Amino acid sequence: MTCSQCVGIEKVFNEKYVTKELNDYRRKGPVKTTRWLIEAMKQTGVQGLDLLDIGGGVGAIQHELVKAGVSRVTGVDAASAYIQAARSEAERGGYAERTTQIHGDFVTVAPKLDKADIVTLDRVICCYDDMQSLVRTSVGLAKKYYGVIYPRFLWWTRLVCIIENFFERLVSNPYRAYVHPTEKVEAIIKEKGFTRQYYRQTLAWQVVVYVRG
C-alpha cells in the first residue's frame, strides 16, 4: 500500500465515520455480507482456533467469532479510528486480554505476525492497489481457513469505483478504491493450496471461504 493510500484511509475512515459504524454494529449487528462470512466460519467449527482479521474495521468478525469460541484474535487495520473502536468493543465485551490490535499497513507489518488458523479480509482487497502482495502475504499466514469479501469484477462495480475515485479527487483525498479481477485473486489463493468451500454473492459483493487442502 502506498503512503498516500494510508493517508487517504485515515481521512475516509475517520473518527466520525467509525463512531457511526460502531453504533450501527451495536444496534443491528454485522452487515449482511459480513454476517454471511461469520456464519460460514462458524459452520466450519472455530472453537479453540485463533484469528487474524485484516482490515477488520470495528471488529465485527472478531467480536462474533470470539463469542463462537475463537481463542485469540489479532486485528490489523490502516485506520487508527478502527483500531480504537475494535479495542473498545473488546473491552466492552470483556475479552480485551485475548485480542491484539495493530495499526498499520498489513503487508508492511506482516513479517512480525504469527500464522493463524483463520485469516479474514472483509472489504480490504478493494482498498489495495497491490492486490497480489496483499493476497499472497495474507493467505500465506492462514493455516486452515481463509475468508474474503471483495467486489465482483463486473462493469457496474468498476463504474462505481471510477465514480467514487472521481469524487475523492475532487476533495483532494488520495484514497482510491479498486476492483480486481476475481480469477487473479483466486489464482493466488489456490496456488497456496486452498480450495473454495463456501461462496455467496450480492449484486456487487462476493463472500468466499477457502480451506487448506
Protein backbone atom coordinates (compact mmCIF):
# COMPACT_ATOMS: atom_id res chain seq x y z
CA MET A 1 0.00 0.00 0.00
CA THR A 2 1.33 3.43 -0.89
CA CYS A 3 1.87 6.09 1.77
CA SER A 4 -0.75 8.27 0.09
CA GLN A 5 -3.32 5.46 0.32
CA CYS A 6 -2.65 5.13 4.05
CA VAL A 7 -3.25 8.87 4.44
CA GLY A 8 -6.42 8.57 2.39
CA ILE A 9 -7.72 5.69 4.51
CA GLU A 10 -7.26 7.75 7.67
CA LYS A 11 -9.28 10.56 6.06
CA VAL A 12 -12.13 8.37 4.81
CA PHE A 13 -12.43 6.17 7.89
CA ASN A 14 -12.15 8.97 10.42
CA GLU A 15 -13.48 9.10 13.97
CA LYS A 16 -16.92 10.41 12.95
CA TYR A 17 -17.38 7.70 10.28
CA VAL A 18 -16.16 4.92 12.56
CA THR A 19 -18.28 6.03 15.53
CA LYS A 20 -21.41 5.79 13.38
CA GLU A 21 -20.36 2.35 12.10
CA LEU A 22 -19.69 1.10 15.63
CA ASN A 23 -23.07 2.37 16.84
CA ASP A 24 -24.75 0.66 13.88
CA TYR A 25 -22.97 -2.59 14.72
CA ARG A 26 -24.05 -2.39 18.34
CA ARG A 27 -27.68 -1.79 17.32
CA LYS A 28 -28.04 -4.10 14.32
CA GLY A 29 -25.10 -6.50 14.36
CA PRO A 30 -22.86 -7.18 11.33
CA VAL A 31 -23.93 -6.09 7.85
CA LYS A 32 -25.31 -8.83 5.59
CA THR A 33 -22.14 -9.89 3.77
CA THR A 34 -20.10 -9.88 6.97
CA ARG A 35 -22.80 -11.93 8.67
CA TRP A 36 -22.61 -14.49 5.86
CA LEU A 37 -18.85 -14.82 6.31
CA ILE A 38 -19.20 -15.17 10.07
CA GLU A 39 -21.87 -17.85 9.74
CA ALA A 40 -19.79 -19.75 7.17
CA MET A 41 -16.81 -19.69 9.53
CA LYS A 42 -18.91 -20.82 12.48
CA GLN A 43 -20.16 -23.79 10.46
CA THR A 44 -16.56 -24.95 9.95
CA GLY A 45 -16.08 -25.06 13.73
CA VAL A 46 -13.97 -22.29 15.25
CA GLN A 47 -13.77 -23.47 18.87
CA GLY A 48 -10.22 -23.01 20.15
CA LEU A 49 -8.88 -21.56 16.88
CA ASP A 50 -7.05 -18.26 16.54
CA LEU A 51 -7.99 -15.46 14.14
CA LEU A 52 -6.06 -12.88 12.13
CA ASP A 53 -8.54 -10.23 10.96
CA ILE A 54 -7.03 -7.87 8.38
CA GLY A 55 -8.74 -4.53 7.83
CA GLY A 56 -11.47 -5.64 10.19
CA GLY A 57 -12.97 -2.22 10.79
CA VAL A 58 -14.85 -2.04 14.09
CA GLY A 59 -14.05 -5.73 14.53
CA ALA A 60 -17.42 -7.33 13.76
CA ILE A 61 -15.82 -10.62 12.67
CA GLN A 62 -13.54 -10.60 15.71
CA HIS A 63 -16.32 -9.99 18.21
CA GLU A 64 -18.72 -12.52 16.73
CA LEU A 65 -16.13 -15.29 16.38
CA VAL A 66 -14.86 -14.76 19.92
CA LYS A 67 -18.46 -15.36 21.05
CA ALA A 68 -18.41 -18.53 18.92
CA GLY A 69 -15.29 -19.87 20.61
CA VAL A 70 -12.23 -18.37 18.91
CA SER A 71 -9.47 -18.34 21.49
CA ARG A 72 -7.26 -15.50 20.32
CA VAL A 73 -7.60 -12.54 17.91
CA THR A 74 -5.11 -10.30 16.14
CA GLY A 75 -6.54 -7.35 14.24
CA VAL A 76 -4.60 -5.21 11.77
CA ASP A 77 -6.00 -2.00 10.29
CA ALA A 78 -4.59 1.03 8.50
CA ALA A 79 -7.19 3.34 10.10
CA SER A 80 -6.39 4.33 13.67
CA ALA A 81 -10.06 5.07 14.45
CA TYR A 82 -10.94 1.47 13.58
CA ILE A 83 -8.21 0.14 15.86
CA GLN A 84 -9.59 2.15 18.75
CA ALA A 85 -13.17 1.05 18.01
CA ALA A 86 -12.26 -2.65 17.85
CA ARG A 87 -10.26 -2.36 21.06
CA SER A 88 -13.05 -0.54 22.90
CA GLU A 89 -15.66 -3.09 21.82
CA ALA A 90 -13.41 -5.93 23.02
CA GLU A 91 -13.06 -4.16 26.38
CA ARG A 92 -16.83 -3.71 26.50
CA GLY A 93 -17.28 -7.43 25.83
CA GLY A 94 -14.76 -8.45 28.50
CA TYR A 95 -12.25 -10.21 26.25
CA ALA A 96 -9.69 -7.47 25.54
CA GLU A 97 -6.92 -9.62 27.03
CA ARG A 98 -7.48 -12.13 24.21
CA THR A 99 -7.10 -9.54 21.46
CA THR A 100 -4.19 -7.64 19.94
CA GLN A 101 -4.79 -4.63 17.70
CA ILE A 102 -2.05 -3.42 15.35
CA HIS A 103 -2.22 -0.13 13.46
CA GLY A 104 -0.51 -0.10 10.07
CA ASP A 105 -0.34 -1.36 6.52
CA PHE A 106 -0.77 -5.13 6.72
CA VAL A 107 1.87 -6.03 4.12
CA THR A 108 4.40 -3.89 6.00
CA VAL A 109 3.69 -5.39 9.42
CA ALA A 110 3.11 -8.97 8.19
CA PRO A 111 6.71 -10.20 8.82
CA LYS A 112 6.12 -9.62 12.55
CA LEU A 113 2.88 -11.62 12.64
CA ASP A 114 2.38 -15.27 13.52
CA LYS A 115 0.32 -17.60 11.36
CA ALA A 116 -3.32 -18.04 12.38
CA ASP A 117 -5.86 -20.81 11.92
CA ILE A 118 -8.28 -18.34 10.34
CA VAL A 119 -7.43 -15.28 8.25
CA THR A 120 -10.18 -12.88 7.15
CA LEU A 121 -10.30 -9.81 4.89
CA ASP A 122 -13.68 -8.07 4.82
CA ARG A 123 -13.76 -5.43 2.04
CA VAL A 124 -9.99 -4.99 2.17
CA ILE A 125 -8.88 -6.18 -1.28
CA CYS A 126 -10.80 -3.24 -2.77
CA CYS A 127 -8.65 -0.81 -0.77
CA TYR A 128 -5.34 -2.18 -2.08
CA ASP A 129 -3.58 -1.21 -5.28
CA ASP A 130 -1.06 -4.06 -4.93
CA MET A 131 -3.60 -6.86 -4.67
CA GLN A 132 -1.03 -9.57 -5.34
CA SER A 133 1.13 -8.65 -2.34
CA LEU A 134 -1.89 -8.37 -0.07
CA VAL A 135 -3.45 -11.70 -1.04
CA ARG A 136 -0.20 -13.66 -1.30
CA THR A 137 1.03 -12.39 2.07
CA SER A 138 -2.26 -12.85 3.90
CA VAL A 139 -3.07 -16.31 2.55
CA GLY A 140 0.45 -17.33 3.46
CA LEU A 141 -0.43 -16.70 7.11
CA ALA A 142 -3.57 -18.87 7.05
CA LYS A 143 -3.17 -22.35 8.50
CA LYS A 144 -6.71 -23.65 7.95
CA TYR A 145 -9.26 -21.15 6.64
CA TYR A 146 -9.12 -18.02 4.51
CA GLY A 147 -12.22 -15.83 4.23
CA VAL A 148 -12.62 -12.82 1.95
CA ILE A 149 -15.28 -10.32 0.93
CA TYR A 150 -14.48 -8.24 -2.14
CA PRO A 151 -16.22 -6.72 -5.20
CA ARG A 152 -17.37 -8.85 -8.10
CA PHE A 153 -15.47 -7.96 -11.28
CA LEU A 154 -18.36 -6.52 -13.30
CA TRP A 155 -18.86 -3.43 -15.41
CA TRP A 156 -21.11 -1.75 -12.85
CA THR A 157 -18.79 -2.36 -9.92
CA ARG A 158 -15.93 -0.90 -11.94
CA LEU A 159 -18.11 2.08 -12.87
CA VAL A 160 -18.97 2.71 -9.22
CA CYS A 161 -15.26 2.54 -8.42
CA ILE A 162 -14.45 5.12 -11.10
CA ILE A 163 -17.15 7.46 -9.79
CA GLU A 164 -16.00 7.05 -6.18
CA ASN A 165 -12.40 7.81 -7.10
CA PHE A 166 -13.51 10.85 -9.10
CA PHE A 167 -15.16 12.34 -6.02
CA GLU A 168 -12.13 11.53 -3.86
CA ARG A 169 -10.02 13.52 -6.31
CA LEU A 170 -12.45 16.43 -6.09
CA VAL A 171 -11.88 16.68 -2.33
CA SER A 172 -8.12 16.10 -2.70
CA ASN A 173 -8.22 12.80 -0.85
CA PRO A 174 -5.52 10.36 -2.05
CA TYR A 175 -7.68 7.35 -1.14
CA ARG A 176 -8.54 5.14 -4.12
CA ALA A 177 -10.85 2.13 -4.44
CA TYR A 178 -10.06 -0.87 -6.67
CA VAL A 179 -11.95 -3.70 -8.32
CA HIS A 180 -9.55 -6.57 -9.03
CA PRO A 181 -10.31 -9.50 -11.37
CA THR A 182 -11.75 -12.43 -9.45
CA GLU A 183 -9.74 -15.01 -11.37
CA LYS A 184 -6.48 -13.28 -10.45
CA VAL A 185 -7.38 -13.13 -6.77
CA GLU A 186 -8.47 -16.76 -6.71
CA ALA A 187 -5.41 -17.99 -8.63
CA ILE A 188 -3.11 -16.71 -5.88
CA ILE A 189 -5.22 -18.34 -3.18
CA LYS A 190 -5.39 -21.70 -4.96
CA GLU A 191 -1.68 -21.80 -5.69
CA LYS A 192 -1.15 -21.69 -1.91
CA GLY A 193 -3.07 -24.95 -1.55
CA PHE A 194 -6.56 -23.66 -0.73
CA THR A 195 -9.85 -24.74 -2.26
CA ARG A 196 -13.18 -22.93 -2.25
CA GLN A 197 -15.54 -24.21 0.45
CA TYR A 198 -18.24 -21.53 0.52
CA TYR A 199 -19.45 -18.91 -1.95
CA ARG A 200 -22.29 -16.40 -1.86
CA GLN A 201 -22.81 -13.11 -3.66
CA THR A 202 -24.87 -9.94 -3.77
CA LEU A 203 -25.25 -7.60 -6.71
CA ALA A 204 -21.82 -6.10 -6.00
CA TRP A 205 -20.00 -8.27 -3.45
CA GLN A 206 -18.75 -11.85 -3.22
CA VAL A 207 -18.20 -13.73 0.03
CA VAL A 208 -15.79 -16.66 -0.17
CA VAL A 209 -14.30 -19.09 2.34
CA TYR A 210 -11.36 -21.28 1.36
CA VAL A 211 -9.99 -24.28 3.23
CA ARG A 212 -6.43 -25.54 3.06
CA GLY A 213 -6.14 -28.80 1.17
